[in-house]
Amino acid sequence: MILFYKVEISPLWQQKRIREFCEEKGIHVTAYSPLGAKGMLWGTNNVMECQVLKEIAAARGKSIAQASNS
């Protein structure tokens, strides 16, 4: 029986279907969220360059990393 499921979730990739499935089955989701992978073949820097997150961070006096992980 699966009790926990670790999955990548970020402000730009929220994994709604996986989270809903886990909730229906009583599985707790543990999330991790890389903030970017600039310069890598498999990644982007979209989270750190997101205009909405920049605005939220500025309004709260926080860095983009702090705003996206809170």
Protein backbone atom coordinates (compact mmCIF):
# COMPACT_ATOMS: atom_id res chain seq x y z
CA MET A 1 0.00 0.00 0.00
CA ILE A 2 1.36 3.42 -0.97
CA LEU A 3 1.18 6.02 1.79
CA PHE A 4 3.31 8.81 0.31
CA TYR A 5 4.10 9.86 -3.26
CA LYS A 6 6.94 12.25 -4.05
CA VAL A 7 6.35 14.32 -7.17
CA GLU A 8 7.72 17.47 -8.75
CA ILE A 9 5.35 20.40 -8.28
CA SER A 10 6.07 24.06 -8.96
CA PRO A 11 4.02 27.23 -9.35
CA LEU A 12 4.11 26.65 -13.12
CA TRP A 13 3.55 22.86 -13.03
CA GLN A 14 0.99 22.08 -10.34
CA GLN A 15 0.25 18.41 -11.17
CA LYS A 16 -3.48 18.78 -10.45
CA ARG A 17 -4.50 15.35 -11.80
CA ILE A 18 -1.86 13.52 -9.76
CA ARG A 19 -2.79 15.44 -6.62
CA GLU A 20 -6.51 14.70 -7.12
CA PHE A 21 -5.81 10.99 -7.71
CA CYS A 22 -3.68 10.77 -4.58
CA GLU A 23 -6.31 12.57 -2.52
CA GLU A 24 -9.01 10.12 -3.70
CA LYS A 25 -6.81 7.15 -2.75
CA GLY A 26 -5.68 8.56 0.61
CA ILE A 27 -2.09 8.98 -0.58
CA HIS A 28 -0.14 11.90 0.89
CA VAL A 29 1.80 13.94 -1.67
CA THR A 30 5.31 15.10 -0.85
CA ALA A 31 6.38 17.73 -3.33
CA TYR A 32 9.71 19.06 -4.42
CA SER A 33 10.20 22.07 -6.63
CA PRO A 34 13.39 22.89 -8.49
CA LEU A 35 13.49 26.60 -9.11
CA GLY A 36 15.15 26.27 -12.48
CA ALA A 37 17.63 24.48 -14.66
CA LYS A 38 19.02 27.24 -16.81
CA GLY A 39 21.58 25.99 -19.29
CA MET A 40 20.55 22.35 -19.01
CA LEU A 41 19.18 20.43 -22.00
CA TRP A 42 16.16 19.23 -20.00
CA GLY A 43 15.20 22.36 -18.12
CA THR A 44 14.33 26.02 -18.20
CA ASN A 45 14.45 29.00 -15.88
CA ASN A 46 10.71 29.75 -16.26
CA VAL A 47 9.96 29.82 -12.53
CA MET A 48 12.68 32.34 -11.74
CA GLU A 49 11.74 34.47 -14.77
CA CYS A 50 7.96 34.41 -14.21
CA GLN A 51 6.61 37.97 -14.18
CA VAL A 52 3.74 37.11 -11.81
CA LEU A 53 6.15 35.62 -9.25
CA LYS A 54 8.41 38.67 -9.61
CA GLU A 55 5.47 40.94 -8.78
CA ILE A 56 4.39 38.81 -5.80
CA ALA A 57 7.95 38.74 -4.48
CA ALA A 58 8.39 42.49 -4.85
CA ALA A 59 5.06 43.21 -3.13
CA ARG A 60 6.11 41.07 -0.16
CA GLY A 61 9.73 42.18 -0.01
CA LYS A 62 10.94 38.64 -0.74
CA SER A 63 13.09 36.97 -3.37
CA ILE A 64 11.41 35.00 -6.16
CA ALA A 65 12.67 31.79 -4.56
CA GLN A 66 11.09 32.71 -1.21
CA ALA A 67 7.78 33.71 -2.83
CA SER A 68 7.52 30.54 -4.89
CA ASN A 69 8.24 28.21 -1.96
CA SER A 70 5.91 29.76 0.58
